[in-house]
Protein backbone atom coordinates (compact mmCIF):
# COMPACT_ATOMS: atom_id res chain seq x y z
CA VAL A 1 -23.60 4.27 -7.57
CA GLN A 2 -20.84 1.87 -8.54
CA LYS A 3 -18.39 3.74 -10.76
CA THR A 4 -16.38 2.34 -13.62
CA LEU A 5 -13.52 -0.02 -12.95
CA THR A 6 -10.86 2.25 -14.43
CA ALA A 7 -12.03 5.30 -12.52
CA VAL A 8 -12.67 4.81 -8.83
CA GLY A 9 -14.17 1.31 -8.76
CA ARG A 10 -11.60 0.30 -6.16
CA ARG A 11 -12.90 2.81 -3.67
CA VAL A 12 -15.34 1.92 -0.92
CA PRO A 13 -18.67 3.48 -1.98
CA ALA A 14 -19.04 6.82 -0.20
CA ALA A 15 -22.44 5.78 1.12
CA ILE A 16 -20.84 3.51 3.73
CA VAL A 17 -18.76 6.33 5.20
CA THR A 18 -20.89 8.39 7.57
CA ALA A 19 -20.92 12.16 7.38
CA SER A 20 -19.86 12.45 11.01
CA PHE A 21 -16.82 10.24 10.36
CA LEU A 22 -15.73 12.30 7.36
CA SER A 23 -16.24 15.50 9.32
CA ALA A 24 -14.03 14.26 12.14
CA CYS A 25 -11.34 13.25 9.65
CA ALA A 26 -11.42 16.54 7.82
CA GLY A 27 -11.03 18.50 11.02
CA GLY A 28 -8.28 16.42 12.54
CA GLY A 29 -10.83 14.85 14.86
CA THR A 30 -10.38 12.85 17.98
CA VAL A 31 -10.19 9.13 18.44
CA PRO A 32 -13.74 7.86 19.06
CA ALA A 33 -14.33 6.37 22.48
CA GLY A 34 -13.59 2.67 22.62
CA SER A 35 -11.85 2.58 19.25
CA ALA A 36 -8.24 2.58 20.45
CA ALA A 37 -6.48 -0.76 20.55
CA ALA A 38 -4.33 -1.89 23.44
CA PRO A 39 -0.73 -0.63 23.33
CA ALA A 40 1.40 -2.64 20.95
CA PRO A 41 3.74 -5.16 22.57
CA ALA A 42 7.39 -5.38 21.63
CA PRO A 43 7.79 -6.26 17.94
CA ALA A 44 7.66 -9.96 17.23
CA VAL A 45 10.88 -11.08 15.55
CA ARG A 46 10.34 -13.70 12.87
CA ASP A 47 13.90 -14.97 12.85
CA ALA A 48 17.43 -13.69 13.26
CA GLY A 49 17.82 -13.21 9.51
CA ALA A 50 14.58 -11.34 8.87
CA LYS A 51 14.94 -8.78 6.10
CA CYS A 52 11.46 -7.39 5.72
CA HIS A 53 12.40 -3.74 5.40
CA PRO A 54 10.64 -2.65 2.18
CA THR A 55 13.45 -0.59 0.64
CA SER A 56 17.02 -1.83 0.31
CA LYS A 57 20.06 0.32 -0.44
CA THR A 58 20.19 -1.13 -3.95
CA ALA A 59 16.55 -0.42 -4.83
CA LYS A 60 16.79 2.88 -6.70
CA ASN A 61 14.38 2.68 -9.63
CA LEU A 62 10.77 3.71 -9.08
CA PHE A 63 8.07 1.37 -10.41
CA VAL A 64 4.48 2.56 -10.82
CA ALA A 65 1.20 0.71 -11.32
CA ASN A 66 -0.30 3.00 -13.96
CA ASP A 67 -3.97 2.07 -13.68
CA GLY A 68 -5.39 4.34 -16.39
CA GLY A 69 -2.55 3.52 -18.78
CA PHE A 70 -2.94 -0.27 -18.38
CA ASN A 71 0.80 -0.64 -17.85
CA VAL A 72 3.70 -0.48 -15.41
CA LEU A 73 6.16 2.40 -15.67
CA GLU A 74 9.77 2.64 -14.43
CA TRP A 75 11.76 5.77 -13.56
CA ALA A 76 15.52 5.78 -12.98
CA PRO A 77 17.13 8.36 -10.66
CA PRO A 78 17.24 11.34 -10.62
CA TYR A 79 13.72 10.87 -12.08
CA THR A 80 14.03 13.88 -14.38
CA LYS A 81 13.66 11.95 -17.64
CA GLY A 82 10.59 10.19 -18.93
CA PRO A 83 9.72 6.66 -17.79
CA THR A 84 10.30 3.30 -19.44
CA THR A 85 7.08 1.45 -20.26
CA LEU A 86 7.13 -2.12 -19.01
CA ALA A 87 4.43 -4.78 -18.86
CA SER A 88 0.92 -4.24 -20.20
CA VAL A 89 -1.50 -5.04 -17.38
CA LYS A 90 -5.29 -4.76 -17.17
CA ASN A 91 -5.90 -2.31 -14.32
CA PRO A 92 -2.64 -2.64 -12.35
CA VAL A 93 -3.12 -1.60 -8.72
CA ALA A 94 0.09 -2.46 -6.85
CA VAL A 95 3.70 -3.44 -7.51
CA ALA A 96 6.23 -5.26 -5.31
CA PHE A 97 9.52 -7.18 -5.55
CA ASP A 98 10.88 -10.39 -4.07
CA SER A 99 14.50 -11.22 -3.21
CA LEU A 100 15.04 -12.65 -6.71
CA LYS A 101 14.21 -9.23 -8.19
CA HIS A 102 11.02 -10.57 -9.69
CA LEU A 103 8.29 -7.98 -10.17
CA PHE A 104 4.78 -8.72 -8.89
CA VAL A 105 1.78 -6.74 -10.15
CA THR A 106 -1.79 -6.84 -8.92
CA GLN A 107 -4.08 -7.16 -11.95
CA TYR A 108 -7.40 -5.95 -10.67
CA GLY A 109 -9.15 -6.63 -13.99
CA THR A 110 -8.60 -10.40 -13.74
CA ASN A 111 -8.50 -10.83 -9.94
CA SER A 112 -4.93 -12.11 -9.97
CA VAL A 113 -1.32 -11.20 -9.23
CA LEU A 114 1.21 -11.53 -12.05
CA GLU A 115 4.94 -12.31 -11.74
CA TYR A 116 7.61 -11.00 -14.14
CA LYS A 117 11.35 -11.53 -14.58
CA ALA A 118 13.69 -8.72 -15.61
CA PRO A 119 13.51 -6.69 -17.81
CA TYR A 120 9.77 -6.92 -17.00
CA THR A 121 8.64 -6.25 -20.57
CA GLY A 122 7.55 -9.70 -21.74
CA LYS A 123 4.77 -12.00 -20.69
CA PRO A 124 4.43 -12.94 -17.01
CA ILE A 125 6.22 -16.07 -15.86
CA GLY A 126 3.42 -16.91 -13.45
CA HIS A 127 0.18 -15.82 -11.85
CA THR A 128 -1.88 -16.65 -8.79
CA LYS A 129 -4.66 -19.23 -9.00
CA ILE A 130 -6.34 -18.63 -5.66
CA SER A 131 -9.85 -17.17 -5.83
CA LEU A 132 -9.69 -13.41 -5.22
CA LYS A 133 -12.29 -10.65 -5.28
CA ALA A 134 -10.62 -7.35 -6.14
CA PRO A 135 -6.97 -7.81 -5.09
CA TYR A 136 -5.34 -4.51 -4.10
CA GLY A 137 -2.11 -4.13 -2.12
CA ILE A 138 0.70 -6.71 -2.20
CA VAL A 139 3.96 -7.20 -0.32
CA LEU A 140 6.57 -9.98 -0.04
CA ASP A 141 8.49 -11.01 3.07
CA ASP A 142 12.01 -12.35 3.63
CA HIS A 143 10.87 -15.87 2.64
CA ASN A 144 9.30 -14.53 -0.59
CA ASP A 145 5.86 -15.30 0.73
CA LEU A 146 3.30 -13.13 -1.05
CA PHE A 147 0.62 -11.22 0.90
CA ILE A 148 -2.45 -10.00 -0.98
CA ALA A 149 -5.17 -7.61 0.23
CA ASP A 150 -8.38 -9.31 -0.96
CA PHE A 151 -10.66 -6.27 -0.84
CA TYR A 152 -14.18 -7.61 -1.32
CA ASP A 153 -13.50 -10.81 0.63
CA ASN A 154 -12.40 -8.71 3.65
CA ARG A 155 -9.22 -10.68 4.18
CA VAL A 156 -5.47 -10.78 3.56
CA VAL A 157 -4.07 -14.03 2.19
CA GLU A 158 -0.50 -15.34 2.32
CA LEU A 159 0.85 -17.57 -0.45
CA ALA A 160 4.16 -19.41 -0.54
CA PRO A 161 6.21 -19.74 -3.75
CA PRO A 162 5.39 -20.63 -6.52
CA TYR A 163 2.02 -18.97 -5.64
CA THR A 164 -0.05 -21.44 -7.67
CA ALA A 165 -1.94 -23.00 -4.75
CA LYS A 166 -5.70 -22.55 -4.73
CA LYS A 167 -5.71 -22.37 -0.93
CA ALA A 168 -3.85 -19.77 1.10
CA LYS A 169 -1.03 -20.55 3.50
CA VAL A 170 -2.56 -18.10 5.99
CA VAL A 171 -5.83 -16.15 5.85
CA ILE A 172 -6.15 -13.02 7.98
CA THR A 173 -9.69 -11.84 8.69
CA GLN A 174 -9.69 -10.51 12.28
CA GLY A 175 -9.73 -6.71 12.20
CA ILE A 176 -9.90 -6.61 8.38
CA THR A 177 -12.50 -4.34 6.72
CA SER A 178 -12.08 -3.70 2.99
CA PRO A 179 -8.25 -3.98 3.01
CA ASP A 180 -6.23 -1.92 0.56
CA GLY A 181 -2.57 -1.20 1.35
CA LEU A 182 -0.01 -3.60 2.84
CA ALA A 183 3.42 -3.03 4.36
CA LEU A 184 5.98 -4.95 6.42
CA ASP A 185 8.32 -3.53 9.02
CA ALA A 186 11.86 -4.76 9.72
CA HIS A 187 10.51 -7.45 12.07
CA CYS A 188 8.07 -8.79 9.46
CA ASN A 189 5.06 -7.37 11.29
CA LEU A 190 2.32 -6.78 8.72
CA PHE A 191 0.36 -3.51 8.48
CA VAL A 192 -2.97 -3.30 6.64
CA THR A 193 -5.10 -0.27 5.74
CA ASN A 194 -8.85 -0.79 6.16
CA GLN A 195 -10.93 1.40 3.88
CA GLY A 196 -14.15 0.18 5.45
CA ASN A 197 -13.57 1.84 8.83
CA GLY A 198 -10.73 4.29 8.24
CA THR A 199 -8.04 2.48 10.24
CA PHE A 200 -4.88 0.44 9.88
CA THR A 201 -4.10 -2.76 11.80
CA GLU A 202 -0.83 -4.49 12.70
CA TYR A 203 -0.27 -8.27 12.81
CA ALA A 204 2.66 -10.24 14.20
CA PRO A 205 4.01 -13.43 12.60
CA PRO A 206 2.65 -16.02 11.99
CA TYR A 207 -0.39 -13.74 11.41
CA THR A 208 -2.94 -16.22 12.76
CA GLU A 209 -4.03 -14.16 15.76
CA ALA A 210 -5.95 -10.91 16.24
CA PRO A 211 -4.15 -7.65 15.44
CA ILE A 212 -1.63 -6.45 18.02
CA ALA A 213 -2.41 -2.78 17.31
CA MET A 214 -4.91 -0.57 15.53
CA GLY A 215 -4.49 3.09 14.61
CA GLY A 216 -5.85 5.92 12.56
CA ALA A 217 -9.43 5.94 13.86
CA GLY A 218 -10.81 9.45 13.58
CA TYR A 219 -7.90 10.68 11.45
CA LEU A 220 -8.21 8.68 8.21
CA ALA A 221 -10.81 8.28 5.48
CA LEU A 222 -10.46 5.73 2.68
CA PRO A 223 -6.86 4.89 3.65
CA ALA A 224 -4.95 3.39 0.74
CA GLY A 225 -1.15 3.07 0.57
CA ILE A 226 0.86 2.44 3.72
CA ALA A 227 4.60 2.40 4.43
CA VAL A 228 6.78 1.94 7.50
CA LEU A 229 9.92 4.00 8.04
CA GLY A 230 11.72 2.94 11.20
CA THR A 231 8.83 2.51 13.63
CA THR A 232 6.62 5.26 12.17
CA VAL A 233 3.68 4.23 10.01
CA TYR A 234 2.64 6.54 7.15
CA VAL A 235 -0.77 6.26 5.47
CA ALA A 236 -2.12 7.84 2.28
CA SER A 237 -5.57 9.03 3.36
CA ALA A 238 -7.37 9.33 0.02
CA GLY A 239 -10.60 10.60 1.57
CA THR A 240 -8.93 13.54 3.32
CA ASN A 241 -6.22 14.31 0.74
CA ASN A 242 -3.24 13.99 3.04
CA VAL A 243 -0.51 11.66 4.24
CA VAL A 244 -0.72 10.93 7.95
CA GLY A 245 2.08 9.56 10.17
CA PHE A 246 1.66 7.64 13.43
CA ALA A 247 4.23 6.63 16.05
CA PRO A 248 3.94 3.53 18.28
CA PRO A 249 1.65 2.39 19.80
CA TYR A 250 -0.28 4.01 16.91
CA THR A 251 -3.41 4.72 18.97
CA GLY A 252 -2.96 8.45 19.49
CA ALA A 253 -2.93 11.58 17.40
CA PRO A 254 -0.78 11.74 14.26
CA THR A 255 2.83 12.87 14.40
CA LEU A 256 2.54 14.17 10.84
CA THR A 257 -0.30 15.47 8.68
CA LEU A 258 0.95 16.39 5.20
CA PRO A 259 -1.82 18.04 3.12
CA ILE A 260 -1.98 17.18 -0.58
CA PRO A 261 -5.02 19.17 -1.80
CA SER A 262 -7.60 17.75 -4.20
CA SER A 263 -5.53 14.92 -5.61
CA GLU A 264 -6.43 11.68 -3.79
CA PRO A 265 -3.07 10.30 -2.61
CA TYR A 266 -2.99 6.56 -3.18
CA GLY A 267 0.42 4.86 -3.39
CA LEU A 268 3.13 5.55 -0.82
CA THR A 269 6.75 4.46 -0.46
CA PHE A 270 10.22 5.66 0.65
CA ASP A 271 13.58 5.53 -1.06
CA SER A 272 16.82 4.58 0.68
CA HIS A 273 17.38 8.22 1.67
CA ALA A 274 14.02 8.41 3.47
CA ASN A 275 12.47 10.60 0.78
CA MET A 276 8.72 10.02 0.59
CA PHE A 277 7.07 9.30 -2.79
CA VAL A 278 3.29 9.57 -3.18
CA SER A 279 1.13 8.75 -6.22
CA LEU A 280 -1.77 11.14 -6.83
CA TYR A 281 -4.65 9.31 -8.47
CA TYR A 282 -6.68 12.26 -9.72
CA ALA A 283 -3.78 14.63 -10.42
CA ASN A 284 -1.94 12.02 -12.55
CA GLU A 285 1.28 12.82 -10.70
CA ILE A 286 3.87 11.38 -8.37
CA VAL A 287 5.39 13.78 -5.87
CA SER A 288 8.40 13.36 -3.59
CA TYR A 289 9.13 15.04 -0.25
CA LYS A 290 12.35 15.11 1.75
CA PRO A 291 12.36 14.74 5.56
CA PRO A 292 10.70 16.07 7.66
CA TYR A 293 8.00 16.22 4.93
CA ASN A 294 6.75 19.73 5.73
CA GLU A 295 7.85 21.60 2.60
CA LYS A 296 6.93 21.60 -1.08
CA PRO A 297 7.72 18.54 -3.23
CA ILE A 298 11.30 18.18 -4.39
CA VAL A 299 10.25 16.11 -7.43
CA THR A 300 7.03 15.99 -9.44
CA LEU A 301 6.56 13.30 -12.13
CA THR A 302 3.81 13.59 -14.74
CA THR A 303 4.96 12.04 -18.03
CA GLY A 304 2.87 9.04 -19.07
CA LEU A 305 0.88 8.88 -15.85
CA ALA A 306 -2.83 8.07 -15.95
CA SER A 307 -4.45 7.39 -12.55
CA PRO A 308 -1.29 6.02 -10.86
CA THR A 309 -1.90 3.72 -7.91
CA GLY A 310 0.71 1.50 -6.21
CA ILE A 311 4.39 2.44 -6.27
CA ALA A 312 7.55 0.67 -5.12
CA PHE A 313 11.33 0.82 -5.45
CA GLY A 314 13.11 -2.00 -7.19
CA PRO A 315 16.24 -2.93 -9.13
C-alpha cells in the first residue's frame, strides 16, 4: 500500500524487499554469492584543485530538511539552543551547499530542487527545470555542479549552473536502483545509496561509466543517507535501524555497525571534528556521536523537528 507523501512515501514499498534479504540484514548476514564488485581501483582525481570534501572547517551550522514541518531548520553550535526556522518548503528531503554558500533544498512535493541565498529565509532565487520523479539526495562538487538522486527514474542526474537546463549534463543509470543518498569524497568520486537492492555504488569522474565499486549487499536495508569520512563510507540503513561503516574496497563486512533502535535513521553527515550527526525520521530527533561512534549520543536535538530527513553543515 502506498503511504502518504508526508509519512513514508519516499520509502521503497516493503513488498519489493524479500523476507530473506531483511533477515540477512537484521542478523549481520553475509555477502550473497556473486554480489561483490571488483576491488576499487585507485581514486580517480578530477583535477589538482578538487575540493569535494563535504565538510569544510568553516561549516559549523547544522541545516535540517524538516519534512513533517515543511521547512528548513538551522542550529548553531553548540546546538543546545532551539533552531532558527528558514525557508518554507513542501516536503524538503535533502539540503546541500555550493561554494558560494547558496543553500539547495530538494522539494519532493514539486519534483524540483530550490536554491536560496543567505539568510535563506526569503523566496528561492532559482529552481531546477529538468523533469524529475521524486528527487531525494543532492550534493554539489567543486565546480558547483549539482547531482540529484532521481528516485523513481532510477538515475542520478548532473546539472551545471545555473541549473535551468531541461536536459542533464550527465545521467547515471548503470548500477542505480531507487537512489536515495548522495555523497562525494575528496577526489570527487560519487557514492549513491540504492534502496531497491540494499547497496551503495561508487562512480569516478566523469561519471559516464559503470560503477567502480559496490558495497553493502547483505548488510543494508533501505539505505538512505550516506557520508564519506576519509576513505570510510557510512550509510544510514533505515530498514535495519543502524549506521553501517565500510572500508575500501567496500565489498566486505562492515567496520562499524552502530545500532539506533526503532527510529529509522535517514540523514547522515559529519562536522569538522569528525562527530557523526544522524537524523531519526520516526523519533523526530537528531543525534550526534563522537569517534569511534560506539558510545551514547553526545547531543540530542528535538525542538521543532517533525520527520527530519537530509542534514548538512553550512555557513
